[in-house]
PDB file of N, CA and C in Angstrom:
ATOM      1  N   MET A   1      -9.117  -6.908   5.787  1.00  0.00           N
ATOM      2  CA  MET A   1      -8.259  -7.060   6.926  1.00  0.00           C
ATOM      3  C   MET A   1      -8.980  -7.984   7.901  1.00  0.00           C
ATOM      4  N   THR A   2      -8.246  -8.951   8.405  1.00  0.00           N
ATOM      5  CA  THR A   2      -8.802  -9.894   9.368  1.00  0.00           C
ATOM      6  C   THR A   2      -7.873  -9.946  10.565  1.00  0.00           C
ATOM      7  N   SER A   3      -8.448  -9.956  11.738  1.00  0.00           N
ATOM      8  CA  SER A   3      -7.617 -10.059  12.942  1.00  0.00           C
ATOM      9  C   SER A   3      -7.833 -11.416  13.596  1.00  0.00           C
ATOM     10  N   TYR A   4      -6.793 -11.892  14.251  1.00  0.00           N
ATOM     11  CA  TYR A   4      -6.819 -13.185  14.928  1.00  0.00           C
ATOM     12  C   TYR A   4      -6.185 -13.027  16.299  1.00  0.00           C
ATOM     13  N   SER A   5      -6.723 -13.733  17.261  1.00  0.00           N
ATOM     14  CA  SER A   5      -6.083 -13.761  18.575  1.00  0.00           C
ATOM     15  C   SER A   5      -4.899 -14.724  18.500  1.00  0.00           C
ATOM     16  N   THR A   6      -4.044 -14.664  19.484  1.00  0.00           N
ATOM     17  CA  THR A   6      -2.872 -15.549  19.520  1.00  0.00           C
ATOM     18  C   THR A   6      -3.306 -17.012  19.492  1.00  0.00           C
ATOM     19  N   ARG A   7      -4.418 -17.302  20.128  1.00  0.00           N
ATOM     20  CA  ARG A   7      -4.919 -18.693  20.160  1.00  0.00           C
ATOM     21  C   ARG A   7      -5.304 -19.193  18.771  1.00  0.00           C
ATOM     22  N   MET A   8      -5.552 -18.289  17.853  1.00  0.00           N
ATOM     23  CA  MET A   8      -6.011 -18.674  16.521  1.00  0.00           C
ATOM     24  C   MET A   8      -4.888 -18.663  15.483  1.00  0.00           C
ATOM     25  N   SER A   9      -3.652 -18.803  15.924  1.00  0.00           N
ATOM     26  CA  SER A   9      -2.527 -18.686  14.989  1.00  0.00           C
ATOM     27  C   SER A   9      -2.563 -19.737  13.880  1.00  0.00           C
ATOM     28  N   LYS A  10      -3.023 -20.942  14.186  1.00  0.00           N
ATOM     29  CA  LYS A  10      -3.100 -21.975  13.144  1.00  0.00           C
ATOM     30  C   LYS A  10      -4.137 -21.600  12.083  1.00  0.00           C
ATOM     31  N   VAL A  11      -5.267 -21.087  12.518  1.00  0.00           N
ATOM     32  CA  VAL A  11      -6.316 -20.647  11.585  1.00  0.00           C
ATOM     33  C   VAL A  11      -5.789 -19.492  10.740  1.00  0.00           C
ATOM     34  N   ALA A  12      -5.075 -18.572  11.388  1.00  0.00           N
ATOM     35  CA  ALA A  12      -4.519 -17.418  10.676  1.00  0.00           C
ATOM     36  C   ALA A  12      -3.543 -17.880   9.587  1.00  0.00           C
ATOM     37  N   LYS A  13      -2.715 -18.851   9.877  1.00  0.00           N
ATOM     38  CA  LYS A  13      -1.756 -19.358   8.888  1.00  0.00           C
ATOM     39  C   LYS A  13      -2.474 -19.994   7.697  1.00  0.00           C
ATOM     40  N   VAL A  14      -3.522 -20.746   7.968  1.00  0.00           N
ATOM     41  CA  VAL A  14      -4.289 -21.372   6.878  1.00  0.00           C
ATOM     42  C   VAL A  14      -4.978 -20.301   6.040  1.00  0.00           C
ATOM     43  N   ASP A  15      -5.590 -19.319   6.699  1.00  0.00           N
ATOM     44  CA  ASP A  15      -6.257 -18.233   5.969  1.00  0.00           C
ATOM     45  C   ASP A  15      -5.263 -17.419   5.140  1.00  0.00           C
ATOM     46  N   TYR A  16      -4.081 -17.202   5.697  1.00  0.00           N
ATOM     47  CA  TYR A  16      -3.046 -16.457   4.974  1.00  0.00           C
ATOM     48  C   TYR A  16      -2.637 -17.216   3.714  1.00  0.00           C
ATOM     49  N   ALA A  17      -2.412 -18.519   3.835  1.00  0.00           N
ATOM     50  CA  ALA A  17      -2.038 -19.329   2.673  1.00  0.00           C
ATOM     51  C   ALA A  17      -3.146 -19.293   1.616  1.00  0.00           C
ATOM     52  N   ASP A  18      -4.396 -19.365   2.056  1.00  0.00           N
ATOM     53  CA  ASP A  18      -5.523 -19.286   1.118  1.00  0.00           C
ATOM     54  C   ASP A  18      -5.559 -17.927   0.416  1.00  0.00           C
ATOM     55  N   ALA A  19      -5.324 -16.860   1.173  1.00  0.00           N
ATOM     56  CA  ALA A  19      -5.328 -15.517   0.588  1.00  0.00           C
ATOM     57  C   ALA A  19      -4.206 -15.370  -0.432  1.00  0.00           C
ATOM     58  N   GLU A  20      -3.027 -15.893  -0.124  1.00  0.00           N
ATOM     59  CA  GLU A  20      -1.926 -15.828  -1.093  1.00  0.00           C
ATOM     60  C   GLU A  20      -2.306 -16.523  -2.387  1.00  0.00           C
ATOM     61  N   LYS A  21      -2.938 -17.677  -2.288  1.00  0.00           N
ATOM     62  CA  LYS A  21      -3.368 -18.393  -3.485  1.00  0.00           C
ATOM     63  C   LYS A  21      -4.407 -17.585  -4.264  1.00  0.00           C
ATOM     64  N   ARG A  22      -5.365 -16.982  -3.542  1.00  0.00           N
ATOM     65  CA  ARG A  22      -6.409 -16.188  -4.187  1.00  0.00           C
ATOM     66  C   ARG A  22      -5.835 -14.997  -4.933  1.00  0.00           C
ATOM     67  N   PHE A  23      -4.785 -14.395  -4.380  1.00  0.00           N
ATOM     68  CA  PHE A  23      -4.222 -13.183  -4.967  1.00  0.00           C
ATOM     69  C   PHE A  23      -3.139 -13.443  -6.015  1.00  0.00           C
ATOM     70  N   THR A  24      -2.816 -14.689  -6.256  1.00  0.00           N
ATOM     71  CA  THR A  24      -1.802 -15.009  -7.252  1.00  0.00           C
ATOM     72  C   THR A  24      -2.211 -14.431  -8.604  1.00  0.00           C
ATOM     73  N   GLY A  25      -1.287 -13.697  -9.224  1.00  0.00           N
ATOM     74  CA  GLY A  25      -1.550 -13.105 -10.526  1.00  0.00           C
ATOM     75  C   GLY A  25      -2.298 -11.786 -10.474  1.00  0.00           C
ATOM     76  N   SER A  26      -2.548 -11.263  -9.274  1.00  0.00           N
ATOM     77  CA  SER A  26      -3.238  -9.974  -9.174  1.00  0.00           C
ATOM     78  C   SER A  26      -2.304  -8.960  -8.509  1.00  0.00           C
ATOM     79  N   LEU A  27      -2.760  -7.731  -8.443  1.00  0.00           N
ATOM     80  CA  LEU A  27      -1.976  -6.687  -7.787  1.00  0.00           C
ATOM     81  C   LEU A  27      -2.145  -6.709  -6.267  1.00  0.00           C
ATOM     82  N   ASN A  28      -3.089  -7.498  -5.774  1.00  0.00           N
ATOM     83  CA  ASN A  28      -3.332  -7.590  -4.339  1.00  0.00           C
ATOM     84  C   ASN A  28      -2.308  -8.496  -3.673  1.00  0.00           C
ATOM     85  N   GLN A  29      -2.080  -8.263  -2.404  1.00  0.00           N
ATOM     86  CA  GLN A  29      -1.157  -9.089  -1.640  1.00  0.00           C
ATOM     87  C   GLN A  29      -1.730  -9.375  -0.273  1.00  0.00           C
ATOM     88  N   ALA A  30      -1.451 -10.547   0.228  1.00  0.00           N
ATOM     89  CA  ALA A  30      -1.786 -10.894   1.605  1.00  0.00           C
ATOM     90  C   ALA A  30      -0.519 -10.679   2.424  1.00  0.00           C
ATOM     91  N   VAL A  31      -0.658  -9.998   3.542  1.00  0.00           N
ATOM     92  CA  VAL A  31       0.507  -9.692   4.368  1.00  0.00           C
ATOM     93  C   VAL A  31       0.160  -9.928   5.836  1.00  0.00           C
ATOM     94  N   PRO A  32       0.837 -10.870   6.481  1.00  0.00           N
ATOM     95  CA  PRO A  32       0.599 -11.051   7.913  1.00  0.00           C
ATOM     96  C   PRO A  32       1.370  -9.994   8.701  1.00  0.00           C
ATOM     97  N   VAL A  33       0.678  -9.324   9.590  1.00  0.00           N
ATOM     98  CA  VAL A  33       1.315  -8.263  10.382  1.00  0.00           C
ATOM     99  C   VAL A  33       0.956  -8.488  11.845  1.00  0.00           C
ATOM    100  N   PRO A  34       1.907  -8.965  12.640  1.00  0.00           N
ATOM    101  CA  PRO A  34       1.602  -9.197  14.058  1.00  0.00           C
ATOM    102  C   PRO A  34       1.683  -7.904  14.875  1.00  0.00           C
ATOM    103  N   VAL A  35       0.555  -7.499  15.427  1.00  0.00           N
ATOM    104  CA  VAL A  35       0.496  -6.330  16.310  1.00  0.00           C
ATOM    105  C   VAL A  35      -0.491  -6.629  17.432  1.00  0.00           C
ATOM    106  N   ASP A  36      -0.374  -5.859  18.497  1.00  0.00           N
ATOM    107  CA  ASP A  36      -1.267  -6.058  19.632  1.00  0.00           C
ATOM    108  C   ASP A  36      -2.585  -5.305  19.493  1.00  0.00           C
ATOM    109  N   SER A  37      -2.602  -4.246  18.684  1.00  0.00           N
ATOM    110  CA  SER A  37      -3.831  -3.470  18.529  1.00  0.00           C
ATOM    111  C   SER A  37      -3.841  -2.772  17.175  1.00  0.00           C
ATOM    112  N   ILE A  38      -5.010  -2.309  16.765  1.00  0.00           N
ATOM    113  CA  ILE A  38      -5.128  -1.577  15.503  1.00  0.00           C
ATOM    114  C   ILE A  38      -4.317  -0.295  15.559  1.00  0.00           C
ATOM    115  N   ASN A  39      -4.215   0.316  16.717  1.00  0.00           N
ATOM    116  CA  ASN A  39      -3.392   1.526  16.858  1.00  0.00           C
ATOM    117  C   ASN A  39      -1.928   1.212  16.570  1.00  0.00           C
ATOM    118  N   ASP A  40      -1.460   0.064  17.042  1.00  0.00           N
ATOM    119  CA  ASP A  40      -0.078  -0.342  16.750  1.00  0.00           C
ATOM    120  C   ASP A  40       0.114  -0.579  15.262  1.00  0.00           C
ATOM    121  N   LEU A  41      -0.902  -1.123  14.613  1.00  0.00           N
ATOM    122  CA  LEU A  41      -0.832  -1.344  13.171  1.00  0.00           C
ATOM    123  C   LEU A  41      -0.713  -0.020  12.438  1.00  0.00           C
ATOM    124  N   GLN A  42      -1.503   0.950  12.837  1.00  0.00           N
ATOM    125  CA  GLN A  42      -1.452   2.266  12.201  1.00  0.00           C
ATOM    126  C   GLN A  42      -0.104   2.937  12.435  1.00  0.00           C
ATOM    127  N   LYS A  43       0.477   2.776  13.597  1.00  0.00           N
ATOM    128  CA  LYS A  43       1.790   3.360  13.877  1.00  0.00           C
ATOM    129  C   LYS A  43       2.875   2.673  13.056  1.00  0.00           C
ATOM    130  N   ALA A  44       2.789   1.363  12.942  1.00  0.00           N
ATOM    131  CA  ALA A  44       3.816   0.597  12.230  1.00  0.00           C
ATOM    132  C   ALA A  44       3.738   0.774  10.718  1.00  0.00           C
ATOM    133  N   HIS A  45       2.557   1.004  10.204  1.00  0.00           N
ATOM    134  CA  HIS A  45       2.355   1.085   8.752  1.00  0.00           C
ATOM    135  C   HIS A  45       1.611   2.368   8.397  1.00  0.00           C
ATOM    136  N   GLN A  46       2.209   3.482   8.715  1.00  0.00           N
ATOM    137  CA  GLN A  46       1.575   4.781   8.484  1.00  0.00           C
ATOM    138  C   GLN A  46       1.276   5.021   7.011  1.00  0.00           C
ATOM    139  N   ASN A  47       2.128   4.527   6.126  1.00  0.00           N
ATOM    140  CA  ASN A  47       1.899   4.739   4.693  1.00  0.00           C
ATOM    141  C   ASN A  47       0.606   4.093   4.225  1.00  0.00           C
ATOM    142  N   PHE A  48       0.265   2.956   4.798  1.00  0.00           N
ATOM    143  CA  PHE A  48      -0.962   2.263   4.417  1.00  0.00           C
ATOM    144  C   PHE A  48      -2.191   3.054   4.835  1.00  0.00           C
ATOM    145  N   PHE A  49      -2.118   3.668   6.008  1.00  0.00           N
ATOM    146  CA  PHE A  49      -3.254   4.403   6.544  1.00  0.00           C
ATOM    147  C   PHE A  49      -3.153   5.900   6.280  1.00  0.00           C
ATOM    148  N   GLY A  50      -2.089   6.309   5.620  1.00  0.00           N
ATOM    149  CA  GLY A  50      -1.811   7.732   5.480  1.00  0.00           C
ATOM    150  C   GLY A  50      -2.725   8.467   4.525  1.00  0.00           C
ATOM    151  N   ASP A  51      -2.622   9.758   4.608  1.00  0.00           N
ATOM    152  CA  ASP A  51      -3.359  10.657   3.728  1.00  0.00           C
ATOM    153  C   ASP A  51      -2.491  10.892   2.497  1.00  0.00           C
ATOM    154  N   THR A  52      -2.968  10.514   1.343  1.00  0.00           N
ATOM    155  CA  THR A  52      -2.169  10.603   0.120  1.00  0.00           C
ATOM    156  C   THR A  52      -2.280  11.945  -0.581  1.00  0.00           C
ATOM    157  N   ARG A  53      -3.073  12.867  -0.040  1.00  0.00           N
ATOM    158  CA  ARG A  53      -3.270  14.144  -0.733  1.00  0.00           C
ATOM    159  C   ARG A  53      -1.968  14.913  -0.919  1.00  0.00           C
ATOM    160  N   ILE A  54      -1.097  14.922   0.084  1.00  0.00           N
ATOM    161  CA  ILE A  54       0.175  15.648  -0.039  1.00  0.00           C
ATOM    162  C   ILE A  54       1.030  15.013  -1.133  1.00  0.00           C
ATOM    163  N   PHE A  55       1.106  13.702  -1.136  1.00  0.00           N
ATOM    164  CA  PHE A  55       1.873  13.006  -2.167  1.00  0.00           C
ATOM    165  C   PHE A  55       1.310  13.301  -3.555  1.00  0.00           C
ATOM    166  N   LEU A  56      -0.002  13.179  -3.707  1.00  0.00           N
ATOM    167  CA  LEU A  56      -0.618  13.402  -5.013  1.00  0.00           C
ATOM    168  C   LEU A  56      -0.458  14.844  -5.474  1.00  0.00           C
ATOM    169  N   SER A  57      -0.535  15.788  -4.552  1.00  0.00           N
ATOM    170  CA  SER A  57      -0.368  17.187  -4.954  1.00  0.00           C
ATOM    171  C   SER A  57       1.068  17.458  -5.383  1.00  0.00           C
ATOM    172  N   SER A  58       2.035  16.734  -4.808  1.00  0.00           N
ATOM    173  CA  SER A  58       3.428  16.934  -5.221  1.00  0.00           C
ATOM    174  C   SER A  58       3.666  16.415  -6.635  1.00  0.00           C
ATOM    175  N   LEU A  59       2.885  15.441  -7.056  1.00  0.00           N
ATOM    176  CA  LEU A  59       3.030  14.928  -8.417  1.00  0.00           C
ATOM    177  C   LEU A  59       2.673  15.992  -9.445  1.00  0.00           C
ATOM    178  N   GLU A  60       1.771  16.865  -9.088  1.00  0.00           N
ATOM    179  CA  GLU A  60       1.365  17.915 -10.006  1.00  0.00           C
ATOM    180  C   GLU A  60       2.468  18.944 -10.216  1.00  0.00           C
ATOM    181  N   VAL A  61       3.431  18.996  -9.321  1.00  0.00           N
ATOM    182  CA  VAL A  61       4.538  19.945  -9.423  1.00  0.00           C
ATOM    183  C   VAL A  61       5.518  19.516 -10.513  1.00  0.00           C
ATOM    184  N   PHE A  62       5.650  18.227 -10.725  1.00  0.00           N
ATOM    185  CA  PHE A  62       6.608  17.708 -11.697  1.00  0.00           C
ATOM    186  C   PHE A  62       5.940  17.601 -13.065  1.00  0.00           C
ATOM    187  N   PRO A  63       6.529  18.216 -14.085  1.00  0.00           N
ATOM    188  CA  PRO A  63       5.910  18.163 -15.411  1.00  0.00           C
ATOM    189  C   PRO A  63       6.012  16.766 -16.024  1.00  0.00           C
ATOM    190  N   SER A  64       5.038  16.426 -16.821  1.00  0.00           N
ATOM    191  CA  SER A  64       5.047  15.142 -17.524  1.00  0.00           C
ATOM    192  C   SER A  64       6.138  15.168 -18.594  1.00  0.00           C
ATOM    193  N   GLU A  65       6.457  14.015 -19.135  1.00  0.00           N
ATOM    194  CA  GLU A  65       7.465  13.930 -20.201  1.00  0.00           C
ATOM    195  C   GLU A  65       7.026  14.751 -21.414  1.00  0.00           C
ATOM    196  N   GLU A  66       5.745  14.690 -21.727  1.00  0.00           N
ATOM    197  CA  GLU A  66       5.227  15.468 -22.856  1.00  0.00           C
ATOM    198  C   GLU A  66       5.425  16.964 -22.602  1.00  0.00           C
ATOM    199  N   ARG A  67       5.136  17.405 -21.394  1.00  0.00           N
ATOM    200  CA  ARG A  67       5.295  18.822 -21.059  1.00  0.00           C
ATOM    201  C   ARG A  67       6.772  19.214 -21.084  1.00  0.00           C
ATOM    202  N   LYS A  68       7.657  18.343 -20.644  1.00  0.00           N
ATOM    203  CA  LYS A  68       9.096  18.629 -20.690  1.00  0.00           C
ATOM    204  C   LYS A  68       9.549  18.839 -22.132  1.00  0.00           C
ATOM    205  N   GLN A  69       9.034  18.004 -23.045  1.00  0.00           N
ATOM    206  CA  GLN A  69       9.390  18.144 -24.455  1.00  0.00           C
ATOM    207  C   GLN A  69       8.880  19.467 -25.013  1.00  0.00           C
ATOM    208  N   GLN A  70       7.684  19.849 -24.613  1.00  0.00           N
ATOM    209  CA  GLN A  70       7.129  21.135 -25.057  1.00  0.00           C
ATOM    210  C   GLN A  70       7.996  22.278 -24.556  1.00  0.00           C
ATOM    211  N   ILE A  71       8.411  22.194 -23.310  1.00  0.00           N
ATOM    212  CA  ILE A  71       9.249  23.247 -22.709  1.00  0.00           C
ATOM    213  C   ILE A  71      10.597  23.309 -23.403  1.00  0.00           C
ATOM    214  N   ASN A  72      11.208  22.139 -23.660  1.00  0.00           N
ATOM    215  CA  ASN A  72      12.532  22.104 -24.263  1.00  0.00           C
ATOM    216  C   ASN A  72      12.527  22.524 -25.729  1.00  0.00           C
ATOM    217  N   SER A  73      11.387  22.301 -26.414  1.00  0.00           N
ATOM    218  CA  SER A  73      11.336  22.680 -27.834  1.00  0.00           C
ATOM    219  C   SER A  73      10.832  24.108 -28.030  1.00  0.00           C
ATOM    220  N   SER A  74      10.519  24.801 -26.967  1.00  0.00           N
ATOM    221  CA  SER A  74      10.050  26.161 -27.075  1.00  0.00           C
ATOM    222  C   SER A  74      11.183  27.069 -27.552  1.00  0.00           C
ATOM    223  N   PRO A  75      10.896  27.994 -28.446  1.00  0.00           N
ATOM    224  CA  PRO A  75      11.948  28.889 -28.955  1.00  0.00           C
ATOM    225  C   PRO A  75      12.376  29.947 -27.916  1.00  0.00           C
ATOM    226  N   PHE A  76      11.680  30.038 -26.827  1.00  0.00           N
ATOM    227  CA  PHE A  76      11.992  31.076 -25.821  1.00  0.00           C
ATOM    228  C   PHE A  76      12.948  30.597 -24.800  1.00  0.00           C
TER     229      PHE A  76
END
């Protein structure tokens, strides 16, 4: 993550274009996000900064396809 002041908008645009080129063909992405402070960034993009434990624990509730087949083929 890199921050730029308003005065550095031209530099930010060049760096963003370079980052997009660097990430071509990868799972990474460059995303320009204009905010006034890091707190505003966290408020605007809570999923990025969020705690994933609740989400990951909910995945354990849903059975895998293999487990579904075992359940469906059970004689009981």
